[in-house]
């Protein structure tokens, strides 16, 4: 994922925020006033006599879930696994209620009275994460290795698939560390999408890795960069629009360690601001890791030997 949050991202955040607020409020109520909570929730007295210590214990569990969800909601695309962790106990609690309904411990009437407060919060979290996953708006770390590899290696050149599989097979957590690096290399918030990818094309093609350039082209298509713009970049950048060409040359200068990087960066900063310059520089510098790794593994294929067109 890259770019600022959109409306769907905000909806997902809101869903988790509602679950968080409920968990914190309910947990605080149980911990600070256990007897008041016991009589306030009308279905609870039917479960047995009040045990203030036990009610406070459960309140701590709710508060813990709320704190984890509070951590997740501020950057949900990056912290979606924390959101799932925050919903874990809530979901298990809901599953217990379903079990009690099935075996007859809990009456249908009492179950349906409790269902919104018991099953609602975890379902909101699962729905929020599902929205992000369906739109490919989550960072890849935490995605099961087999699923990630299947998605990442479909419709790519053999060298692209091979280096990913080698990383996945390497010992010592290499794959997990690699998936933590990937979001940093794709960071974009303020930069216009066409400039962002132009800088990445410039840096990638300077390293003469044709498969890497085509991988960047596929990412640019995902970000809805016009196909014509992508092909102009793949052709060397000379036919790009002036601002895009400036970003392309900036990425190229970073990759080649050229002294022109400073003046090109200054020109970008004057027109688009310091944050945009930072994002282009960060991505252009980090995207070079991919061709460098493939070259180190003997998997690089020159741009001149690859059909550079989408």
C-alpha atoms as a PDB file:
ATOM      1  CA  UNK A   1       0.000   0.000   0.000  1.00  0.00           C
ATOM      2  CA  UNK A   2       1.075   3.582  -0.595  1.00  0.00           C
ATOM      3  CA  UNK A   3      -0.501   7.003  -0.561  1.00  0.00           C
ATOM      4  CA  UNK A   4      -2.604   8.824   2.031  1.00  0.00           C
ATOM      5  CA  UNK A   5      -5.604   7.222   3.704  1.00  0.00           C
ATOM      6  CA  UNK A   6      -8.771   7.269   1.629  1.00  0.00           C
ATOM      7  CA  UNK A   7     -12.442   7.048   2.650  1.00  0.00           C
ATOM      8  CA  UNK A   8     -12.442   3.250   2.925  1.00  0.00           C
ATOM      9  CA  UNK A   9      -9.342   3.350   5.122  1.00  0.00           C
ATOM     10  CA  UNK A  10     -11.107   5.845   7.397  1.00  0.00           C
ATOM     11  CA  UNK A  11     -14.191   3.631   7.586  1.00  0.00           C
ATOM     12  CA  UNK A  12     -11.989   0.724   8.673  1.00  0.00           C
ATOM     13  CA  UNK A  13     -10.358   2.930  11.306  1.00  0.00           C
ATOM     14  CA  UNK A  14     -13.764   4.025  12.561  1.00  0.00           C
ATOM     15  CA  UNK A  15     -14.935   0.423  12.958  1.00  0.00           C
ATOM     16  CA  UNK A  16     -11.892  -0.438  15.061  1.00  0.00           C
ATOM     17  CA  UNK A  17     -12.270   2.799  17.036  1.00  0.00           C
ATOM     18  CA  UNK A  18     -15.837   1.830  17.980  1.00  0.00           C
ATOM     19  CA  UNK A  19     -14.653  -1.588  19.191  1.00  0.00           C
ATOM     20  CA  UNK A  20     -11.811   0.101  21.094  1.00  0.00           C
ATOM     21  CA  UNK A  21     -14.127   2.595  22.805  1.00  0.00           C
ATOM     22  CA  UNK A  22     -16.502  -0.180  23.872  1.00  0.00           C
ATOM     23  CA  UNK A  23     -13.680  -2.327  25.272  1.00  0.00           C
ATOM     24  CA  UNK A  24     -12.164   0.564  27.226  1.00  0.00           C
ATOM     25  CA  UNK A  25     -15.491   1.809  28.573  1.00  0.00           C
ATOM     26  CA  UNK A  26     -16.778  -1.624  29.536  1.00  0.00           C
ATOM     27  CA  UNK A  27     -13.441  -2.650  31.043  1.00  0.00           C
ATOM     28  CA  UNK A  28     -13.157   0.540  33.064  1.00  0.00           C
ATOM     29  CA  UNK A  29     -16.741   0.140  34.342  1.00  0.00           C
ATOM     30  CA  UNK A  30     -16.073  -3.456  35.421  1.00  0.00           C
ATOM     31  CA  UNK A  31     -12.805  -2.614  37.140  1.00  0.00           C
ATOM     32  CA  UNK A  32     -13.861   0.561  38.939  1.00  0.00           C
ATOM     33  CA  UNK A  33     -17.439  -0.313  39.866  1.00  0.00           C
ATOM     34  CA  UNK A  34     -17.887  -4.086  39.575  1.00  0.00           C
ATOM     35  CA  UNK A  35     -21.164  -4.281  41.528  1.00  0.00           C
ATOM     36  CA  UNK A  36     -22.692  -1.376  39.627  1.00  0.00           C
ATOM     37  CA  UNK A  37     -21.713  -3.104  36.375  1.00  0.00           C
ATOM     38  CA  UNK A  38     -23.197  -6.400  37.640  1.00  0.00           C
ATOM     39  CA  UNK A  39     -26.630  -4.868  38.139  1.00  0.00           C
ATOM     40  CA  UNK A  40     -26.430  -2.518  35.135  1.00  0.00           C
ATOM     41  CA  UNK A  41     -26.126  -5.359  32.606  1.00  0.00           C
ATOM     42  CA  UNK A  42     -29.529  -6.997  33.078  1.00  0.00           C
ATOM     43  CA  UNK A  43     -28.547 -10.452  31.829  1.00  0.00           C
ATOM     44  CA  UNK A  44     -25.557 -10.841  34.169  1.00  0.00           C
ATOM     45  CA  UNK A  45     -27.377 -11.599  37.490  1.00  0.00           C
ATOM     46  CA  UNK A  46     -28.896 -14.674  35.824  1.00  0.00           C
ATOM     47  CA  UNK A  47     -25.394 -16.180  35.530  1.00  0.00           C
ATOM     48  CA  UNK A  48     -24.899 -16.398  39.320  1.00  0.00           C
ATOM     49  CA  UNK A  49     -23.947 -14.339  42.400  1.00  0.00           C
ATOM     50  CA  UNK A  50     -21.684 -11.322  41.978  1.00  0.00           C
ATOM     51  CA  UNK A  51     -17.950 -11.914  42.399  1.00  0.00           C
ATOM     52  CA  UNK A  52     -16.287  -8.505  42.388  1.00  0.00           C
ATOM     53  CA  UNK A  53     -12.778  -9.920  42.010  1.00  0.00           C
ATOM     54  CA  UNK A  54     -13.806 -12.013  39.004  1.00  0.00           C
ATOM     55  CA  UNK A  55     -15.657  -9.062  37.413  1.00  0.00           C
ATOM     56  CA  UNK A  56     -12.558  -6.869  37.862  1.00  0.00           C
ATOM     57  CA  UNK A  57     -10.399  -9.591  36.293  1.00  0.00           C
ATOM     58  CA  UNK A  58     -12.596  -9.604  33.203  1.00  0.00           C
ATOM     59  CA  UNK A  59     -12.511  -5.801  33.207  1.00  0.00           C
ATOM     60  CA  UNK A  60      -8.722  -5.947  32.975  1.00  0.00           C
ATOM     61  CA  UNK A  61      -9.059  -8.262  29.956  1.00  0.00           C
ATOM     62  CA  UNK A  62     -11.380  -5.763  28.271  1.00  0.00           C
ATOM     63  CA  UNK A  63      -9.028  -2.883  29.069  1.00  0.00           C
ATOM     64  CA  UNK A  64      -6.085  -4.831  27.643  1.00  0.00           C
ATOM     65  CA  UNK A  65      -7.995  -5.403  24.421  1.00  0.00           C
ATOM     66  CA  UNK A  66      -8.912  -1.732  24.287  1.00  0.00           C
ATOM     67  CA  UNK A  67      -5.302  -0.608  24.718  1.00  0.00           C
ATOM     68  CA  UNK A  68      -4.113  -2.935  21.920  1.00  0.00           C
ATOM     69  CA  UNK A  69      -6.884  -1.689  19.631  1.00  0.00           C
ATOM     70  CA  UNK A  70      -5.961   1.912  20.484  1.00  0.00           C
ATOM     71  CA  UNK A  71      -2.403   1.176  19.368  1.00  0.00           C
ATOM     72  CA  UNK A  72      -3.667  -0.425  16.139  1.00  0.00           C
ATOM     73  CA  UNK A  73      -6.234   2.180  15.126  1.00  0.00           C
ATOM     74  CA  UNK A  74      -3.777   5.058  14.725  1.00  0.00           C
ATOM     75  CA  UNK A  75      -2.040   3.270  11.824  1.00  0.00           C
ATOM     76  CA  UNK A  76      -4.364   0.428  10.938  1.00  0.00           C
ATOM     77  CA  UNK A  77      -2.829  -0.375   7.544  1.00  0.00           C
ATOM     78  CA  UNK A  78       0.516  -0.948   9.247  1.00  0.00           C
ATOM     79  CA  UNK A  79      -0.784  -2.448  12.516  1.00  0.00           C
ATOM     80  CA  UNK A  80      -3.571  -4.699  11.294  1.00  0.00           C
ATOM     81  CA  UNK A  81      -2.079  -7.679  13.149  1.00  0.00           C
ATOM     82  CA  UNK A  82      -2.293  -5.722  16.405  1.00  0.00           C
ATOM     83  CA  UNK A  83      -5.978  -5.131  15.654  1.00  0.00           C
ATOM     84  CA  UNK A  84      -6.496  -8.880  15.285  1.00  0.00           C
ATOM     85  CA  UNK A  85      -4.589  -9.470  18.522  1.00  0.00           C
ATOM     86  CA  UNK A  86      -6.791  -6.915  20.278  1.00  0.00           C
ATOM     87  CA  UNK A  87      -9.886  -8.714  19.010  1.00  0.00           C
ATOM     88  CA  UNK A  88      -8.671 -12.206  19.945  1.00  0.00           C
ATOM     89  CA  UNK A  89     -10.007 -12.345  23.505  1.00  0.00           C
ATOM     90  CA  UNK A  90     -13.182 -10.525  22.467  1.00  0.00           C
ATOM     91  CA  UNK A  91     -13.782 -13.125  19.758  1.00  0.00           C
ATOM     92  CA  UNK A  92     -13.059 -16.006  22.150  1.00  0.00           C
ATOM     93  CA  UNK A  93     -15.525 -14.517  24.619  1.00  0.00           C
ATOM     94  CA  UNK A  94     -18.122 -14.336  21.857  1.00  0.00           C
ATOM     95  CA  UNK A  95     -17.412 -17.943  20.876  1.00  0.00           C
ATOM     96  CA  UNK A  96     -18.064 -18.999  24.478  1.00  0.00           C
ATOM     97  CA  UNK A  97     -21.483 -17.359  24.367  1.00  0.00           C
ATOM     98  CA  UNK A  98     -22.289 -19.190  21.135  1.00  0.00           C
ATOM     99  CA  UNK A  99     -21.190 -22.486  22.704  1.00  0.00           C
ATOM    100  CA  UNK A 100     -23.404 -21.876  25.746  1.00  0.00           C
ATOM    101  CA  UNK A 101     -26.348 -21.181  23.447  1.00  0.00           C
ATOM    102  CA  UNK A 102     -25.751 -24.383  21.485  1.00  0.00           C
ATOM    103  CA  UNK A 103     -25.502 -26.638  24.557  1.00  0.00           C
ATOM    104  CA  UNK A 104     -28.413 -24.976  26.364  1.00  0.00           C
ATOM    105  CA  UNK A 105     -26.527 -23.192  29.151  1.00  0.00           C
ATOM    106  CA  UNK A 106     -27.700 -19.841  27.814  1.00  0.00           C
ATOM    107  CA  UNK A 107     -31.287 -19.199  26.706  1.00  0.00           C
ATOM    108  CA  UNK A 108     -31.903 -17.717  23.228  1.00  0.00           C
ATOM    109  CA  UNK A 109     -33.499 -14.647  24.815  1.00  0.00           C
ATOM    110  CA  UNK A 110     -30.457 -13.875  26.957  1.00  0.00           C
ATOM    111  CA  UNK A 111     -28.087 -14.617  24.074  1.00  0.00           C
ATOM    112  CA  UNK A 112     -29.790 -12.107  21.786  1.00  0.00           C
ATOM    113  CA  UNK A 113     -29.809  -9.485  24.536  1.00  0.00           C
ATOM    114  CA  UNK A 114     -26.035  -9.816  24.854  1.00  0.00           C
ATOM    115  CA  UNK A 115     -25.126 -10.350  21.215  1.00  0.00           C
ATOM    116  CA  UNK A 116     -24.422  -6.726  20.231  1.00  0.00           C
ATOM    117  CA  UNK A 117     -22.021  -6.147  23.120  1.00  0.00           C
ATOM    118  CA  UNK A 118     -20.411  -9.584  22.965  1.00  0.00           C
ATOM    119  CA  UNK A 119     -20.103 -10.371  19.257  1.00  0.00           C
ATOM    120  CA  UNK A 120     -20.341  -6.849  17.849  1.00  0.00           C
ATOM    121  CA  UNK A 121     -16.872  -5.504  18.802  1.00  0.00           C
ATOM    122  CA  UNK A 122     -14.767  -8.390  17.428  1.00  0.00           C
ATOM    123  CA  UNK A 123     -16.880  -8.542  14.268  1.00  0.00           C
ATOM    124  CA  UNK A 124     -16.264  -4.825  13.706  1.00  0.00           C
ATOM    125  CA  UNK A 125     -12.510  -5.418  13.904  1.00  0.00           C
ATOM    126  CA  UNK A 126     -12.635  -8.408  11.560  1.00  0.00           C
ATOM    127  CA  UNK A 127     -14.748  -6.410   9.101  1.00  0.00           C
ATOM    128  CA  UNK A 128     -12.276  -3.514   9.199  1.00  0.00           C
ATOM    129  CA  UNK A 129      -9.262  -5.743   8.522  1.00  0.00           C
ATOM    130  CA  UNK A 130     -11.226  -7.545   5.819  1.00  0.00           C
ATOM    131  CA  UNK A 131     -11.907  -4.235   4.051  1.00  0.00           C
ATOM    132  CA  UNK A 132      -8.198  -3.412   4.043  1.00  0.00           C
ATOM    133  CA  UNK A 133      -7.178  -6.890   2.881  1.00  0.00           C
ATOM    134  CA  UNK A 134      -9.714  -6.945   0.064  1.00  0.00           C
ATOM    135  CA  UNK A 135      -8.297  -3.654  -1.217  1.00  0.00           C
ATOM    136  CA  UNK A 136      -4.652  -4.703  -0.704  1.00  0.00           C
ATOM    137  CA  UNK A 137      -4.166  -1.823   1.723  1.00  0.00           C
ATOM    138  CA  UNK A 138      -2.193  -3.690   4.371  1.00  0.00           C
ATOM    139  CA  UNK A 139       1.543  -4.124   4.746  1.00  0.00           C
ATOM    140  CA  UNK A 140       2.736  -7.635   3.848  1.00  0.00           C
ATOM    141  CA  UNK A 141       4.323  -8.652   7.139  1.00  0.00           C
ATOM    142  CA  UNK A 142       2.065 -11.024   8.969  1.00  0.00           C
ATOM    143  CA  UNK A 143       0.548 -12.432   5.790  1.00  0.00           C
ATOM    144  CA  UNK A 144       1.196 -16.208   5.743  1.00  0.00           C
ATOM    145  CA  UNK A 145       4.268 -17.018   3.690  1.00  0.00           C
ATOM    146  CA  UNK A 146       2.472 -19.322   1.268  1.00  0.00           C
ATOM    147  CA  UNK A 147      -0.216 -16.733   0.504  1.00  0.00           C
ATOM    148  CA  UNK A 148       2.334 -13.946   0.060  1.00  0.00           C
ATOM    149  CA  UNK A 149       4.480 -16.018  -2.298  1.00  0.00           C
ATOM    150  CA  UNK A 150       1.494 -17.088  -4.382  1.00  0.00           C
ATOM    151  CA  UNK A 151       0.383 -13.476  -4.832  1.00  0.00           C
ATOM    152  CA  UNK A 152       3.871 -12.021  -5.317  1.00  0.00           C
ATOM    153  CA  UNK A 153       5.151 -14.605  -7.800  1.00  0.00           C
ATOM    154  CA  UNK A 154       2.121 -14.842 -10.062  1.00  0.00           C
ATOM    155  CA  UNK A 155       2.724 -13.439 -13.553  1.00  0.00           C
ATOM    156  CA  UNK A 156       6.324 -12.395 -12.891  1.00  0.00           C
ATOM    157  CA  UNK A 157       9.541 -13.353 -14.608  1.00  0.00           C
ATOM    158  CA  UNK A 158      11.391 -16.443 -13.287  1.00  0.00           C
ATOM    159  CA  UNK A 159      14.170 -14.405 -11.660  1.00  0.00           C
ATOM    160  CA  UNK A 160      11.604 -12.391  -9.704  1.00  0.00           C
ATOM    161  CA  UNK A 161       9.908 -15.518  -8.381  1.00  0.00           C
ATOM    162  CA  UNK A 162      13.188 -17.291  -7.644  1.00  0.00           C
ATOM    163  CA  UNK A 163      14.715 -14.602  -5.460  1.00  0.00           C
ATOM    164  CA  UNK A 164      11.524 -14.319  -3.399  1.00  0.00           C
ATOM    165  CA  UNK A 165      11.420 -18.096  -2.907  1.00  0.00           C
ATOM    166  CA  UNK A 166      15.081 -18.113  -1.869  1.00  0.00           C
ATOM    167  CA  UNK A 167      14.416 -15.425   0.728  1.00  0.00           C
ATOM    168  CA  UNK A 168      11.391 -17.372   1.980  1.00  0.00           C
ATOM    169  CA  UNK A 169      13.492 -20.534   2.337  1.00  0.00           C
ATOM    170  CA  UNK A 170      16.423 -18.823   4.087  1.00  0.00           C
ATOM    171  CA  UNK A 171      16.873 -19.523   7.831  1.00  0.00           C
ATOM    172  CA  UNK A 172      16.894 -17.024  10.668  1.00  0.00           C
ATOM    173  CA  UNK A 173      13.703 -15.146   9.842  1.00  0.00           C
ATOM    174  CA  UNK A 174      15.031 -13.628   6.592  1.00  0.00           C
ATOM    175  CA  UNK A 175      11.587 -13.608   4.989  1.00  0.00           C
ATOM    176  CA  UNK A 176       9.892 -11.830   7.883  1.00  0.00           C
ATOM    177  CA  UNK A 177      12.628  -9.202   7.971  1.00  0.00           C
ATOM    178  CA  UNK A 178      12.308  -8.720   4.217  1.00  0.00           C
ATOM    179  CA  UNK A 179       8.557  -8.141   4.433  1.00  0.00           C
ATOM    180  CA  UNK A 180       9.209  -5.470   7.068  1.00  0.00           C
ATOM    181  CA  UNK A 181      11.559  -3.713   4.626  1.00  0.00           C
ATOM    182  CA  UNK A 182       9.130  -3.693   1.692  1.00  0.00           C
ATOM    183  CA  UNK A 183       6.685  -1.069   3.107  1.00  0.00           C
ATOM    184  CA  UNK A 184       9.543   1.373   3.717  1.00  0.00           C
ATOM    185  CA  UNK A 185      10.610   1.077   0.083  1.00  0.00           C
ATOM    186  CA  UNK A 186       7.038   1.908  -1.013  1.00  0.00           C
ATOM    187  CA  UNK A 187       6.351   4.773   1.400  1.00  0.00           C
ATOM    188  CA  UNK A 188       4.258   7.526  -0.177  1.00  0.00           C
ATOM    189  CA  UNK A 189       1.943  10.000   1.518  1.00  0.00           C
ATOM    190  CA  UNK A 190       2.284  13.490   0.029  1.00  0.00           C
ATOM    191  CA  UNK A 191       4.074  12.797  -3.259  1.00  0.00           C
ATOM    192  CA  UNK A 192       1.995  12.798  -6.471  1.00  0.00           C
ATOM    193  CA  UNK A 193       1.784   9.204  -7.635  1.00  0.00           C
ATOM    194  CA  UNK A 194       3.268   9.879 -11.089  1.00  0.00           C
ATOM    195  CA  UNK A 195       6.338  11.606  -9.613  1.00  0.00           C
ATOM    196  CA  UNK A 196       6.762   8.877  -7.015  1.00  0.00           C
ATOM    197  CA  UNK A 197       6.901   6.112  -9.602  1.00  0.00           C
ATOM    198  CA  UNK A 198       8.985   8.189 -12.004  1.00  0.00           C
ATOM    199  CA  UNK A 199      11.700   8.441  -9.332  1.00  0.00           C
ATOM    200  CA  UNK A 200      11.475   4.698  -8.715  1.00  0.00           C
ATOM    201  CA  UNK A 201      11.787   3.993 -12.451  1.00  0.00           C
ATOM    202  CA  UNK A 202      14.851   6.223 -12.665  1.00  0.00           C
ATOM    203  CA  UNK A 203      16.562   4.452  -9.766  1.00  0.00           C
ATOM    204  CA  UNK A 204      15.583   0.962 -10.900  1.00  0.00           C
ATOM    205  CA  UNK A 205      16.614   1.361 -14.518  1.00  0.00           C
ATOM    206  CA  UNK A 206      19.932   2.903 -13.530  1.00  0.00           C
ATOM    207  CA  UNK A 207      20.771  -0.496 -12.051  1.00  0.00           C
ATOM    208  CA  UNK A 208      20.068  -2.163 -15.427  1.00  0.00           C
ATOM    209  CA  UNK A 209      17.644  -4.781 -14.096  1.00  0.00           C
ATOM    210  CA  UNK A 210      14.910  -5.436 -16.640  1.00  0.00           C
ATOM    211  CA  UNK A 211      12.750  -7.701 -14.427  1.00  0.00           C
ATOM    212  CA  UNK A 212      12.970  -5.097 -11.644  1.00  0.00           C
ATOM    213  CA  UNK A 213      11.784  -2.395 -14.052  1.00  0.00           C
ATOM    214  CA  UNK A 214       8.802  -4.537 -15.061  1.00  0.00           C
ATOM    215  CA  UNK A 215       7.971  -5.215 -11.402  1.00  0.00           C
ATOM    216  CA  UNK A 216       7.968  -1.454 -10.822  1.00  0.00           C
ATOM    217  CA  UNK A 217       5.721  -1.094 -13.877  1.00  0.00           C
ATOM    218  CA  UNK A 218       3.219  -3.508 -12.336  1.00  0.00           C
ATOM    219  CA  UNK A 219       3.230  -1.554  -9.055  1.00  0.00           C
ATOM    220  CA  UNK A 220       2.670   1.652 -11.024  1.00  0.00           C
ATOM    221  CA  UNK A 221      -0.332   0.074 -12.751  1.00  0.00           C
ATOM    222  CA  UNK A 222      -1.739  -0.902  -9.330  1.00  0.00           C
ATOM    223  CA  UNK A 223      -1.387   2.762  -8.310  1.00  0.00           C
ATOM    224  CA  UNK A 224      -3.299   3.747 -11.477  1.00  0.00           C
ATOM    225  CA  UNK A 225      -0.407   5.490 -13.201  1.00  0.00           C
ATOM    226  CA  UNK A 226      -1.400   5.835 -16.896  1.00  0.00           C
ATOM    227  CA  UNK A 227      -0.002   3.064 -19.086  1.00  0.00           C
ATOM    228  CA  UNK A 228       1.422   5.658 -21.508  1.00  0.00           C
ATOM    229  CA  UNK A 229       3.365   7.308 -18.679  1.00  0.00           C
ATOM    230  CA  UNK A 230       4.751   3.952 -17.577  1.00  0.00           C
ATOM    231  CA  UNK A 231       5.931   3.091 -21.091  1.00  0.00           C
ATOM    232  CA  UNK A 232       7.592   6.497 -21.425  1.00  0.00           C
ATOM    233  CA  UNK A 233       9.499   5.807 -18.222  1.00  0.00           C
ATOM    234  CA  UNK A 234      10.454   2.331 -19.419  1.00  0.00           C
ATOM    235  CA  UNK A 235      11.765   3.922 -22.623  1.00  0.00           C
ATOM    236  CA  UNK A 236      14.266   5.992 -20.638  1.00  0.00           C
ATOM    237  CA  UNK A 237      12.169   8.888 -19.375  1.00  0.00           C
ATOM    238  CA  UNK A 238      12.958  11.396 -22.118  1.00  0.00           C
ATOM    239  CA  UNK A 239       9.322  11.658 -23.228  1.00  0.00           C
ATOM    240  CA  UNK A 240       7.893  12.108 -19.743  1.00  0.00           C
ATOM    241  CA  UNK A 241       6.159  15.317 -18.691  1.00  0.00           C
ATOM    242  CA  UNK A 242       8.643  17.887 -17.277  1.00  0.00           C
ATOM    243  CA  UNK A 243       7.866  17.230 -13.584  1.00  0.00           C
ATOM    244  CA  UNK A 244       7.881  13.472 -14.084  1.00  0.00           C
ATOM    245  CA  UNK A 245      11.149  13.711 -16.000  1.00  0.00           C
ATOM    246  CA  UNK A 246      12.639  15.731 -13.136  1.00  0.00           C
ATOM    247  CA  UNK A 247      11.635  13.003 -10.670  1.00  0.00           C
ATOM    248  CA  UNK A 248      12.986  10.306 -13.013  1.00  0.00           C
ATOM    249  CA  UNK A 249      16.370  12.029 -13.240  1.00  0.00           C
ATOM    250  CA  UNK A 250      16.371  12.537  -9.465  1.00  0.00           C
ATOM    251  CA  UNK A 251      15.905   8.798  -8.903  1.00  0.00           C
ATOM    252  CA  UNK A 252      18.542   8.060 -11.513  1.00  0.00           C
ATOM    253  CA  UNK A 253      21.005  10.459  -9.858  1.00  0.00           C
ATOM    254  CA  UNK A 254      20.431   8.835  -6.467  1.00  0.00           C
ATOM    255  CA  UNK A 255      21.065   5.384  -7.918  1.00  0.00           C
ATOM    256  CA  UNK A 256      24.270   6.463  -9.675  1.00  0.00           C
ATOM    257  CA  UNK A 257      25.531   8.552  -6.741  1.00  0.00           C
ATOM    258  CA  UNK A 258      25.596  11.572  -9.066  1.00  0.00           C
ATOM    259  CA  UNK A 259      26.274  15.068  -7.726  1.00  0.00           C
ATOM    260  CA  UNK A 260      23.199  16.144  -9.713  1.00  0.00           C
ATOM    261  CA  UNK A 261      20.983  14.577  -7.042  1.00  0.00           C
ATOM    262  CA  UNK A 262      21.351  17.708  -4.901  1.00  0.00           C
ATOM    263  CA  UNK A 263      20.291  20.212  -7.556  1.00  0.00           C
ATOM    264  CA  UNK A 264      17.511  17.960  -8.831  1.00  0.00           C
ATOM    265  CA  UNK A 265      16.286  17.458  -5.272  1.00  0.00           C
ATOM    266  CA  UNK A 266      16.368  21.210  -4.660  1.00  0.00           C
ATOM    267  CA  UNK A 267      14.243  21.771  -7.770  1.00  0.00           C
ATOM    268  CA  UNK A 268      11.697  19.198  -6.590  1.00  0.00           C
ATOM    269  CA  UNK A 269      11.656  20.679  -3.098  1.00  0.00           C
ATOM    270  CA  UNK A 270      11.110  24.228  -4.414  1.00  0.00           C
ATOM    271  CA  UNK A 271       8.085  23.065  -6.385  1.00  0.00           C
ATOM    272  CA  UNK A 272       6.559  20.315  -4.214  1.00  0.00           C
ATOM    273  CA  UNK A 273       7.997  20.744  -0.727  1.00  0.00           C
ATOM    274  CA  UNK A 274      10.431  18.976   1.569  1.00  0.00           C
ATOM    275  CA  UNK A 275       8.135  16.045   2.352  1.00  0.00           C
ATOM    276  CA  UNK A 276       7.747  15.112  -1.309  1.00  0.00           C
ATOM    277  CA  UNK A 277      11.516  15.295  -1.772  1.00  0.00           C
ATOM    278  CA  UNK A 278      11.979  13.014   1.223  1.00  0.00           C
ATOM    279  CA  UNK A 279       9.485  10.450  -0.080  1.00  0.00           C
ATOM    280  CA  UNK A 280      11.044  10.354  -3.548  1.00  0.00           C
ATOM    281  CA  UNK A 281      14.560  10.110  -2.123  1.00  0.00           C
ATOM    282  CA  UNK A 282      13.569   7.409   0.366  1.00  0.00           C
ATOM    283  CA  UNK A 283      11.870   5.223  -2.214  1.00  0.00           C
ATOM    284  CA  UNK A 284      14.510   5.745  -4.901  1.00  0.00           C
ATOM    285  CA  UNK A 285      17.256   4.801  -2.456  1.00  0.00           C
ATOM    286  CA  UNK A 286      15.484   1.749  -1.086  1.00  0.00           C
ATOM    287  CA  UNK A 287      14.147   0.367  -4.367  1.00  0.00           C
ATOM    288  CA  UNK A 288      17.761  -0.217  -5.378  1.00  0.00           C
ATOM    289  CA  UNK A 289      17.923  -3.049  -2.842  1.00  0.00           C
ATOM    290  CA  UNK A 290      15.901  -5.316  -5.130  1.00  0.00           C
ATOM    291  CA  UNK A 291      18.185  -5.273  -8.203  1.00  0.00           C
ATOM    292  CA  UNK A 292      21.205  -5.350  -5.890  1.00  0.00           C
ATOM    293  CA  UNK A 293      19.915  -8.511  -4.212  1.00  0.00           C
ATOM    294  CA  UNK A 294      19.138 -10.188  -7.532  1.00  0.00           C
ATOM    295  CA  UNK A 295      22.574  -9.252  -8.844  1.00  0.00           C
ATOM    296  CA  UNK A 296      24.115 -10.754  -5.721  1.00  0.00           C
ATOM    297  CA  UNK A 297      22.202 -13.989  -6.297  1.00  0.00           C
ATOM    298  CA  UNK A 298      23.166 -14.108  -9.976  1.00  0.00           C
ATOM    299  CA  UNK A 299      19.599 -13.547 -11.151  1.00  0.00           C
ATOM    300  CA  UNK A 300      19.860 -10.142 -12.830  1.00  0.00           C
ATOM    301  CA  UNK A 301      18.738  -9.752 -16.433  1.00  0.00           C
ATOM    302  CA  UNK A 302      19.727  -6.551 -18.219  1.00  0.00           C
ATOM    303  CA  UNK A 303      17.090  -4.025 -19.280  1.00  0.00           C
ATOM    304  CA  UNK A 304      18.306  -4.422 -22.874  1.00  0.00           C
ATOM    305  CA  UNK A 305      17.446  -8.130 -22.703  1.00  0.00           C
ATOM    306  CA  UNK A 306      13.916  -7.536 -21.372  1.00  0.00           C
ATOM    307  CA  UNK A 307      10.859  -6.275 -23.234  1.00  0.00           C
ATOM    308  CA  UNK A 308      10.192  -3.049 -21.343  1.00  0.00           C
ATOM    309  CA  UNK A 309       6.563  -2.319 -22.133  1.00  0.00           C
ATOM    310  CA  UNK A 310       3.169  -2.775 -20.492  1.00  0.00           C
END
